Amino acid sequence: MPVMVGVPASHTGWTFITSHARVLAAIADNPNVRVRDIAARCRLTERAVARIISDLEQDGYLSHTRQGRTNTYSIDPDKVLRHPAEAGLTVASLLSLLVQDESERTGEPAAHL
């Protein structure tokens, strides 16, 4: 079966971090990041990233403003995570782990919310 250009290889099995968390971490690293760049970083399709961004915006975790051709995203760091098992944990607490981890892997400084 031929591989489609621009579509990341699929992942089989389970992972510890959800795609929603990965997308949010990519945005935390760069509030002006393009959907295309998020998709490449998270190994998702652009369509999947757009859907995840929409989910996050609908539930108030994320908002954006349009500046010319660029979206600038804003994360609500005080928003509480959705699952009852994480009751009381905020987006900031999640991102402090994910963004720090990403910065250590890439050697880049961690972004601030």
Protein backbone atom coordinates (compact mmCIF):
# COMPACT_ATOMS: atom_id res chain seq x y z
CA MET A 1 0.00 0.00 0.00
CA PRO A 2 1.56 3.37 -0.98
CA VAL A 3 2.26 5.98 1.70
CA MET A 4 0.49 9.31 1.18
CA VAL A 5 2.77 12.34 1.13
CA GLY A 6 2.25 14.71 4.08
CA VAL A 7 0.44 12.14 6.23
CA PRO A 8 2.44 10.95 9.24
CA ALA A 9 2.96 7.25 9.75
CA SER A 10 0.25 5.82 11.95
CA HIS A 11 1.00 4.68 15.47
CA THR A 12 -0.21 1.34 16.75
CA GLY A 13 -0.83 0.60 20.38
CA TRP A 14 -1.52 2.91 23.26
CA THR A 15 0.38 5.96 24.48
CA PHE A 16 0.60 7.82 27.78
CA ILE A 17 -0.13 11.26 26.34
CA THR A 18 -3.25 12.07 24.31
CA SER A 19 -3.19 13.92 21.02
CA HIS A 20 -5.09 16.77 22.69
CA ALA A 21 -2.30 17.15 25.27
CA ARG A 22 0.37 17.02 22.56
CA VAL A 23 -1.37 19.74 20.52
CA LEU A 24 -1.80 21.91 23.61
CA ALA A 25 1.90 21.50 24.47
CA ALA A 26 2.91 22.50 20.92
CA ILE A 27 0.79 25.64 21.23
CA ALA A 28 2.24 26.39 24.68
CA ASP A 29 5.72 26.25 23.13
CA ASN A 30 4.75 28.68 20.37
CA PRO A 31 1.42 30.56 20.47
CA ASN A 32 1.84 31.49 16.77
CA VAL A 33 2.52 27.95 15.58
CA ARG A 34 0.91 26.85 12.32
CA VAL A 35 -1.44 23.86 12.14
CA ARG A 36 0.96 22.30 9.63
CA ASP A 37 3.83 22.54 12.14
CA ILE A 38 1.72 21.14 14.99
CA ALA A 39 0.75 18.22 12.76
CA ALA A 40 4.38 17.44 11.93
CA ARG A 41 5.50 17.72 15.56
CA CYS A 42 2.63 15.61 16.92
CA ARG A 43 2.64 13.12 14.00
CA LEU A 44 -1.00 13.88 13.21
CA THR A 45 -2.79 15.02 10.09
CA GLU A 46 -3.60 18.69 9.70
CA ARG A 47 -7.29 17.78 9.75
CA ALA A 48 -6.89 15.99 13.10
CA VAL A 49 -5.04 18.99 14.55
CA ALA A 50 -7.75 21.38 13.35
CA ARG A 51 -10.39 19.16 14.99
CA ILE A 52 -8.43 19.02 18.27
CA ILE A 53 -7.98 22.81 18.29
CA SER A 54 -11.73 23.16 17.76
CA ASP A 55 -12.40 20.77 20.68
CA LEU A 56 -10.06 22.73 22.94
CA GLU A 57 -11.64 26.05 21.95
CA GLN A 58 -15.20 24.80 22.40
CA ASP A 59 -14.42 23.69 25.95
CA GLY A 60 -12.59 26.90 26.87
CA TYR A 61 -9.05 25.56 27.13
CA LEU A 62 -7.85 27.59 24.19
CA SER A 63 -8.80 30.69 22.21
CA HIS A 64 -7.27 32.39 19.22
CA THR A 65 -7.08 35.75 17.54
CA ARG A 66 -6.37 36.27 13.88
CA GLN A 67 -3.55 38.67 12.99
CA GLY A 68 -3.25 38.86 9.23
CA ARG A 69 -2.58 35.31 8.08
CA THR A 70 -1.44 34.18 11.52
CA ASN A 71 -3.43 32.76 14.41
CA THR A 72 -2.20 33.62 17.88
CA TYR A 73 -3.41 31.11 20.45
CA SER A 74 -4.03 31.76 24.12
CA ILE A 75 -4.27 28.95 26.66
CA ASP A 76 -6.30 29.26 29.88
CA PRO A 77 -3.72 27.92 32.37
CA ASP A 78 -6.24 27.85 35.24
CA LYS A 79 -8.76 25.65 33.44
CA VAL A 80 -9.19 22.33 35.28
CA LEU A 81 -8.59 19.07 33.43
CA ARG A 82 -11.70 17.20 32.32
CA HIS A 83 -11.33 13.70 33.72
CA PRO A 84 -12.56 13.11 37.31
CA ALA A 85 -9.31 11.29 38.14
CA GLU A 86 -7.45 14.59 37.57
CA ALA A 87 -9.93 16.65 39.58
CA GLY A 88 -8.29 19.88 40.67
CA LEU A 89 -5.30 19.64 38.32
CA THR A 90 -4.97 22.59 35.97
CA VAL A 91 -3.79 22.91 32.40
CA ALA A 92 -0.73 24.74 33.75
CA SER A 93 0.25 21.72 35.86
CA LEU A 94 -0.04 19.41 32.85
CA LEU A 95 1.88 21.74 30.57
CA SER A 96 4.64 22.25 33.13
CA LEU A 97 5.48 18.59 32.62
CA LEU A 98 5.00 18.40 28.86
CA VAL A 99 6.65 21.66 27.87
CA GLN A 100 9.61 21.08 30.19
CA ASP A 101 10.07 17.60 28.77
CA GLU A 102 9.93 18.89 25.19
CA SER A 103 12.44 21.67 25.93
CA GLU A 104 14.86 19.17 27.45
CA ARG A 105 14.61 16.97 24.35
CA THR A 106 15.13 19.82 21.90
CA GLY A 107 17.49 21.97 23.97
CA GLU A 108 15.12 24.96 23.56
CA PRO A 109 13.91 27.02 26.54
CA ALA A 110 10.43 26.19 27.80
CA ALA A 111 7.70 28.61 26.77
CA HIS A 112 5.63 30.48 29.30
CA LEU A 113 1.87 30.60 29.31
